[in-house]
Amino acid sequence: MIGKIQRVPLREVWKHEAHDFTRWLQENIDVLNEVLDLNLSSPEREQSTGNFNVDIVAEDGNGNSVVIENQLEKSNHDHLGKLVTYLSAYEAKTAIWICSEPRPEHVAAISWLNESRLASFYLLKVEGICIGKSSPAPLLTLIVGPSDEIREIGETKENIAERYLLRKRFWTELLNAAKPKTSLHANISPGQHNWIGTSTGVRGLGLNYVVRQHEAVVECYIDCGDEEKNKSIFDQLIKARKKVESDFGGSLEWQPLEGRRACRIKKTITIGGYRDEESKWPQIYEAMIDAMIKLDKALKPHIKSLNI
């Protein structure tokens, strides 16, 4: 005969969180080891840190501190704050939060903390169960914990954030360097993306600076929202290619961008990009600003005479 699992109210199993559940967990720390595949030892209860008491402090297999926070109720912000406080106070490498009902916002918060890769965070659900007339037993279920996938997500987000900050600093310095030479982008604010631009004065035609990791571009980007109109503008401008390139002082890349709505005319600058040494940035700025001024001057009379 196969028995049926029945849930038992936690307060019938452990009447008091600190006196009963925490004491039981200290004496049965191997239950956590089995669920989390850890090697916890030397658990100590009610360790003081400032004005707070950590439920349990243990050690992992490498001798690092592990803080454990217990809660025989729904997860709440107070216990999440305590968990992070304890982690910092003990310079722990692992934090474990056990509660009866993990709320979605706290599951998301623990996942986010694991993405930071500052420590390993575990969130577990505790239940009391019995089979038939058996004594109640604990059921611990891992809700969220660290993983290679989560760490990779955290690393990716960190790289994206670092890239955004680097590009914003690149644009800030470029715009400052451009102000004494041209008013073209004087009213543009530095952003975090890989391009900034201004209008030529004709709707849909922009003069853009573009920067990649190891190269930069100045371009006239044509996108009026209508593919046929874009192509008509491009075709009119390319008829003046010889004159435009003569006035620019060098060759340009004329790209109808087959399969896409937009077209563009651009000059690639190969000195470097935003990931090259910052000592090279002034050279890159000088080349980009010079090319932008010349591109605007070479195209302006032909843009004014467009039939659109």
Protein backbone atom coordinates (compact mmCIF):
# COMPACT_ATOMS: atom_id res chain seq x y z
CA MET A 1 0.00 0.00 0.00
CA ILE A 2 1.31 3.44 -0.97
CA GLY A 3 0.71 6.25 1.47
CA LYS A 4 -0.37 9.77 0.59
CA ILE A 5 1.62 12.82 1.56
CA GLN A 6 -0.28 15.31 3.67
CA ARG A 7 0.79 18.86 4.46
CA VAL A 8 1.11 19.79 8.12
CA PRO A 9 0.97 23.42 9.29
CA LEU A 10 4.51 24.50 10.09
CA ARG A 11 3.55 25.86 13.49
CA GLU A 12 2.36 22.38 14.45
CA VAL A 13 5.83 21.02 13.63
CA TRP A 14 7.88 23.90 15.04
CA LYS A 15 5.96 26.20 17.36
CA HIS A 16 8.69 28.81 17.57
CA GLU A 17 10.92 29.85 14.70
CA ALA A 18 14.06 30.55 16.71
CA HIS A 19 13.67 28.13 19.62
CA ASP A 20 12.39 25.17 17.61
CA PHE A 21 13.03 25.39 13.86
CA THR A 22 16.42 27.06 14.04
CA ARG A 23 17.56 24.69 16.79
CA TRP A 24 16.34 21.71 14.74
CA LEU A 25 18.17 22.95 11.64
CA GLN A 26 21.38 23.43 13.59
CA GLU A 27 21.19 19.84 14.77
CA ASN A 28 20.23 18.55 11.31
CA ILE A 29 22.38 20.67 9.01
CA ASP A 30 22.89 17.64 6.74
CA VAL A 31 19.32 18.15 5.51
CA LEU A 32 20.52 21.34 3.83
CA ASN A 33 23.62 19.62 2.50
CA GLU A 34 21.45 17.02 0.77
CA VAL A 35 19.14 19.60 -0.83
CA LEU A 36 21.84 22.05 -1.91
CA ASP A 37 24.74 19.66 -2.50
CA LEU A 38 26.86 21.69 -0.10
CA ASN A 39 29.24 20.64 2.66
CA LEU A 40 28.10 22.77 5.59
CA SER A 41 29.55 22.22 9.05
CA SER A 42 30.01 23.90 12.45
CA PRO A 43 26.57 25.60 12.53
CA GLU A 44 26.14 28.12 15.33
CA ARG A 45 22.85 29.77 16.32
CA GLU A 46 21.93 33.39 17.04
CA GLN A 47 25.26 35.01 16.19
CA SER A 48 25.23 38.75 16.83
CA THR A 49 26.10 41.34 14.17
CA GLY A 50 25.45 44.89 15.28
CA ASN A 51 21.82 45.20 16.36
CA PHE A 52 20.80 41.95 14.63
CA ASN A 53 21.20 38.25 15.30
CA VAL A 54 21.93 35.83 12.46
CA ASP A 55 19.81 32.68 12.79
CA ILE A 56 22.70 30.35 11.86
CA VAL A 57 26.28 30.83 10.76
CA ALA A 58 28.02 27.76 9.33
CA GLU A 59 31.13 26.99 7.30
CA ASP A 60 31.42 25.57 3.80
CA GLY A 61 33.97 23.02 2.65
CA ASN A 62 36.59 25.76 2.17
CA GLY A 63 36.11 27.30 5.58
CA ASN A 64 34.11 30.29 4.31
CA SER A 65 31.22 31.64 6.36
CA VAL A 66 27.67 30.77 5.31
CA VAL A 67 24.73 32.77 6.73
CA ILE A 68 21.30 31.17 7.07
CA GLU A 69 18.11 33.15 7.66
CA ASN A 70 14.92 31.28 8.65
CA GLN A 71 11.34 32.46 8.29
CA LEU A 72 8.29 30.28 9.02
CA GLU A 73 6.06 32.58 6.99
CA LYS A 74 5.90 34.35 3.62
CA SER A 75 9.14 35.97 2.50
CA ASN A 76 9.34 39.70 3.16
CA HIS A 77 11.61 42.66 2.50
CA ASP A 78 12.79 42.78 6.11
CA HIS A 79 14.34 39.32 5.97
CA LEU A 80 15.85 39.96 2.54
CA GLY A 81 17.52 43.08 3.94
CA LYS A 82 18.80 41.14 6.94
CA LEU A 83 20.21 38.43 4.70
CA VAL A 84 22.27 40.93 2.70
CA THR A 85 23.36 42.70 5.91
CA TYR A 86 24.55 39.45 7.46
CA LEU A 87 26.36 38.46 4.28
CA SER A 88 28.33 41.71 4.38
CA ALA A 89 28.99 41.63 8.12
CA TYR A 90 30.45 38.11 8.02
CA GLU A 91 32.10 38.55 4.61
CA ALA A 92 30.32 35.31 3.74
CA LYS A 93 30.46 33.59 0.36
CA THR A 94 27.02 31.99 0.64
CA ALA A 95 23.61 33.13 1.90
CA ILE A 96 20.65 30.79 2.45
CA TRP A 97 17.09 32.00 3.02
CA ILE A 98 14.45 29.51 4.13
CA CYS A 99 10.78 30.51 4.24
CA SER A 100 7.34 28.95 4.00
CA GLU A 101 6.21 30.86 0.90
CA PRO A 102 8.70 32.63 -1.37
CA ARG A 103 7.05 35.61 -3.04
CA PRO A 104 7.74 36.16 -6.77
CA GLU A 105 9.46 39.50 -6.16
CA HIS A 106 11.90 37.85 -3.75
CA VAL A 107 12.57 34.96 -6.13
CA ALA A 108 13.44 37.59 -8.74
CA ALA A 109 15.61 39.48 -6.24
CA ILE A 110 17.63 36.38 -5.33
CA SER A 111 18.13 35.58 -9.03
CA TRP A 112 19.34 39.15 -9.57
CA LEU A 113 21.75 38.90 -6.63
CA ASN A 114 23.18 35.70 -8.11
CA GLU A 115 23.76 37.53 -11.39
CA SER A 116 26.04 39.94 -9.51
CA ARG A 117 28.41 37.03 -8.78
CA LEU A 118 29.33 38.64 -5.45
CA ALA A 119 28.16 35.58 -3.54
CA SER A 120 25.96 32.48 -3.89
CA PHE A 121 22.33 33.02 -2.82
CA TYR A 122 19.83 30.22 -2.17
CA LEU A 123 16.10 30.58 -1.57
CA LEU A 124 14.29 27.50 -0.20
CA LYS A 125 10.71 26.68 0.64
CA VAL A 126 10.08 24.70 3.84
CA GLU A 127 6.97 22.59 4.39
CA GLY A 128 5.86 20.09 6.98
CA ILE A 129 4.56 16.76 5.69
CA CYS A 130 3.49 13.37 6.98
CA ILE A 131 2.35 10.09 5.45
CA GLY A 132 -0.69 8.57 7.11
CA LYS A 133 -0.10 8.69 10.86
CA SER A 134 3.66 9.14 10.62
CA SER A 135 5.54 11.80 12.53
CA PRO A 136 5.81 15.08 10.68
CA ALA A 137 8.89 15.58 8.54
CA PRO A 138 10.43 18.62 6.87
CA LEU A 139 10.33 19.05 3.09
CA LEU A 140 12.88 21.56 1.80
CA THR A 141 12.60 22.60 -1.85
CA LEU A 142 15.16 24.74 -3.66
CA ILE A 143 13.34 27.59 -5.41
CA VAL A 144 16.31 29.45 -6.83
CA GLY A 145 20.07 29.25 -6.46
CA PRO A 146 23.29 30.04 -8.28
CA SER A 147 24.02 28.37 -11.62
CA ASP A 148 26.42 28.71 -14.52
CA GLU A 149 23.60 30.09 -16.65
CA ILE A 150 22.74 32.80 -14.11
CA ARG A 151 26.41 33.73 -13.74
CA GLU A 152 26.71 34.03 -17.52
CA ILE A 153 23.67 36.31 -17.57
CA GLY A 154 25.25 38.44 -14.87
CA GLU A 155 28.53 38.64 -16.76
CA THR A 156 26.70 39.61 -19.96
CA LYS A 157 24.77 42.38 -18.16
CA GLU A 158 27.97 43.63 -16.60
CA ASN A 159 29.67 43.79 -19.99
CA ILE A 160 26.69 45.64 -21.48
CA ALA A 161 26.67 48.17 -18.64
CA GLU A 162 30.41 48.73 -18.98
CA ARG A 163 30.04 49.19 -22.75
CA TYR A 164 27.26 51.74 -22.29
CA LEU A 165 29.31 53.77 -19.80
CA LEU A 166 32.39 53.69 -22.03
CA ARG A 167 30.44 54.84 -25.09
CA LYS A 168 28.74 57.64 -23.17
CA ARG A 169 32.13 58.93 -22.05
CA PHE A 170 33.41 58.64 -25.64
CA TRP A 171 30.49 60.71 -26.97
CA THR A 172 30.79 63.30 -24.21
CA GLU A 173 34.41 63.97 -25.06
CA LEU A 174 33.80 63.91 -28.82
CA LEU A 175 30.98 66.48 -28.58
CA ASN A 176 33.14 68.71 -26.41
CA ALA A 177 35.97 68.47 -28.95
CA ALA A 178 33.56 69.26 -31.82
CA LYS A 179 32.01 72.44 -30.34
CA PRO A 180 34.87 74.82 -31.23
CA LYS A 181 34.92 73.51 -34.83
CA THR A 182 31.29 73.02 -35.85
CA SER A 183 27.77 73.61 -34.57
CA LEU A 184 26.39 70.54 -36.34
CA HIS A 185 25.89 68.47 -33.19
CA ALA A 186 25.96 71.31 -30.67
CA ASN A 187 22.46 70.53 -29.35
CA ILE A 188 22.98 66.77 -29.10
CA SER A 189 23.37 65.06 -25.72
CA PRO A 190 25.78 62.14 -25.31
CA GLY A 191 24.03 58.77 -25.17
CA GLN A 192 25.01 55.21 -24.42
CA HIS A 193 24.36 53.68 -27.83
CA ASN A 194 26.79 53.33 -30.71
CA TRP A 195 25.60 56.36 -32.66
CA ILE A 196 24.53 59.97 -32.25
CA GLY A 197 23.11 62.13 -35.00
CA THR A 198 21.53 65.36 -36.13
CA SER A 199 19.34 66.35 -39.05
CA THR A 200 20.66 67.80 -42.30
CA GLY A 201 17.62 70.06 -42.34
CA VAL A 202 15.74 67.69 -44.63
CA ARG A 203 13.38 65.22 -42.98
CA GLY A 204 14.76 61.71 -42.99
CA LEU A 205 18.36 62.67 -43.77
CA GLY A 206 20.67 62.53 -40.78
CA LEU A 207 24.35 63.19 -40.21
CA ASN A 208 25.51 60.53 -37.79
CA TYR A 209 28.61 59.69 -35.85
CA VAL A 210 28.93 55.93 -35.34
CA VAL A 211 31.52 54.19 -33.17
CA ARG A 212 32.29 50.49 -32.85
CA GLN A 213 34.84 48.71 -30.73
CA HIS A 214 37.77 49.35 -33.06
CA GLU A 215 36.55 51.68 -35.78
CA ALA A 216 34.37 54.72 -36.33
CA VAL A 217 32.09 56.03 -39.07
CA VAL A 218 30.61 59.34 -40.19
CA GLU A 219 27.58 58.99 -42.41
CA CYS A 220 24.60 60.53 -44.08
CA TYR A 221 21.77 58.14 -43.24
CA ILE A 222 18.71 58.25 -45.47
CA ASP A 223 15.44 57.04 -44.02
CA CYS A 224 12.26 58.99 -44.64
CA GLY A 225 10.12 56.03 -43.65
CA ASP A 226 9.42 55.12 -47.28
CA GLU A 227 11.70 52.71 -49.15
CA GLU A 228 10.97 54.09 -52.61
CA LYS A 229 11.51 57.68 -51.49
CA ASN A 230 14.78 56.71 -49.80
CA LYS A 231 16.02 55.07 -52.98
CA SER A 232 14.99 58.09 -55.05
CA ILE A 233 17.00 60.40 -52.78
CA PHE A 234 19.99 58.07 -52.87
CA ASP A 235 19.86 57.80 -56.66
CA GLN A 236 19.79 61.60 -57.01
CA LEU A 237 22.79 62.00 -54.70
CA ILE A 238 24.86 59.24 -56.27
CA LYS A 239 24.58 60.99 -59.63
CA ALA A 240 26.72 63.71 -58.06
CA ARG A 241 29.17 61.19 -56.62
CA LYS A 242 32.24 62.49 -58.47
CA LYS A 243 31.61 66.07 -57.33
CA VAL A 244 30.74 65.04 -53.77
CA GLU A 245 33.89 62.94 -53.36
CA SER A 246 36.01 65.69 -54.94
CA ASP A 247 34.66 68.23 -52.44
CA PHE A 248 35.00 65.72 -49.60
CA GLY A 249 38.61 65.04 -50.53
CA GLY A 250 38.43 61.27 -50.82
CA SER A 251 36.29 58.28 -51.63
CA LEU A 252 33.06 57.47 -49.81
CA GLU A 253 31.04 54.28 -49.42
CA TRP A 254 27.69 54.55 -51.21
CA GLN A 255 25.38 51.88 -49.80
CA PRO A 256 21.82 51.33 -51.08
CA LEU A 257 21.51 48.65 -48.36
CA GLU A 258 19.70 46.02 -50.41
CA GLY A 259 16.93 44.29 -48.50
CA ARG A 260 16.58 47.21 -46.07
CA ARG A 261 14.47 50.34 -46.22
CA ALA A 262 17.27 52.84 -45.61
CA CYS A 263 20.37 53.90 -47.59
CA ARG A 264 23.55 55.63 -46.52
CA ILE A 265 26.71 57.39 -47.61
CA LYS A 266 29.58 56.91 -45.20
CA LYS A 267 33.27 57.24 -44.44
CA THR A 268 34.94 54.61 -42.25
CA ILE A 269 37.72 55.73 -39.92
CA THR A 270 40.11 52.93 -39.02
CA ILE A 271 42.26 54.66 -36.40
CA GLY A 272 40.29 52.95 -33.64
CA GLY A 273 37.04 52.83 -31.69
CA TYR A 274 35.68 53.21 -28.18
CA ARG A 275 37.55 50.18 -26.84
CA ASP A 276 40.94 51.38 -27.99
CA GLU A 277 43.20 53.10 -25.52
CA GLU A 278 41.72 56.35 -24.30
CA SER A 279 45.02 57.99 -25.24
CA LYS A 280 43.98 57.36 -28.87
CA TRP A 281 40.55 58.94 -28.47
CA PRO A 282 41.75 62.50 -29.30
CA GLN A 283 43.12 61.25 -32.64
CA ILE A 284 39.86 59.45 -33.36
CA TYR A 285 37.85 62.57 -32.44
CA GLU A 286 39.93 64.74 -34.74
CA ALA A 287 39.46 62.36 -37.66
CA MET A 288 35.71 61.95 -37.04
CA ILE A 289 35.03 65.67 -36.65
CA ASP A 290 37.10 66.57 -39.70
CA ALA A 291 35.32 63.93 -41.80
CA MET A 292 31.90 65.08 -40.55
CA ILE A 293 32.56 68.73 -41.44
CA LYS A 294 33.75 67.76 -44.92
CA LEU A 295 30.84 65.35 -45.48
CA ASP A 296 28.29 68.00 -44.52
CA LYS A 297 29.94 70.59 -46.78
CA ALA A 298 30.22 68.19 -49.75
CA LEU A 299 26.60 67.01 -49.55
CA LYS A 300 24.82 70.24 -48.54
CA PRO A 301 24.31 71.80 -52.02
CA HIS A 302 23.09 68.51 -53.46
CA ILE A 303 20.70 67.89 -50.56
CA LYS A 304 19.25 71.39 -51.04
CA SER A 305 18.55 70.66 -54.70
CA LEU A 306 16.84 67.28 -54.10
CA ASN A 307 13.54 66.69 -55.84
CA ILE A 308 11.47 65.17 -53.02
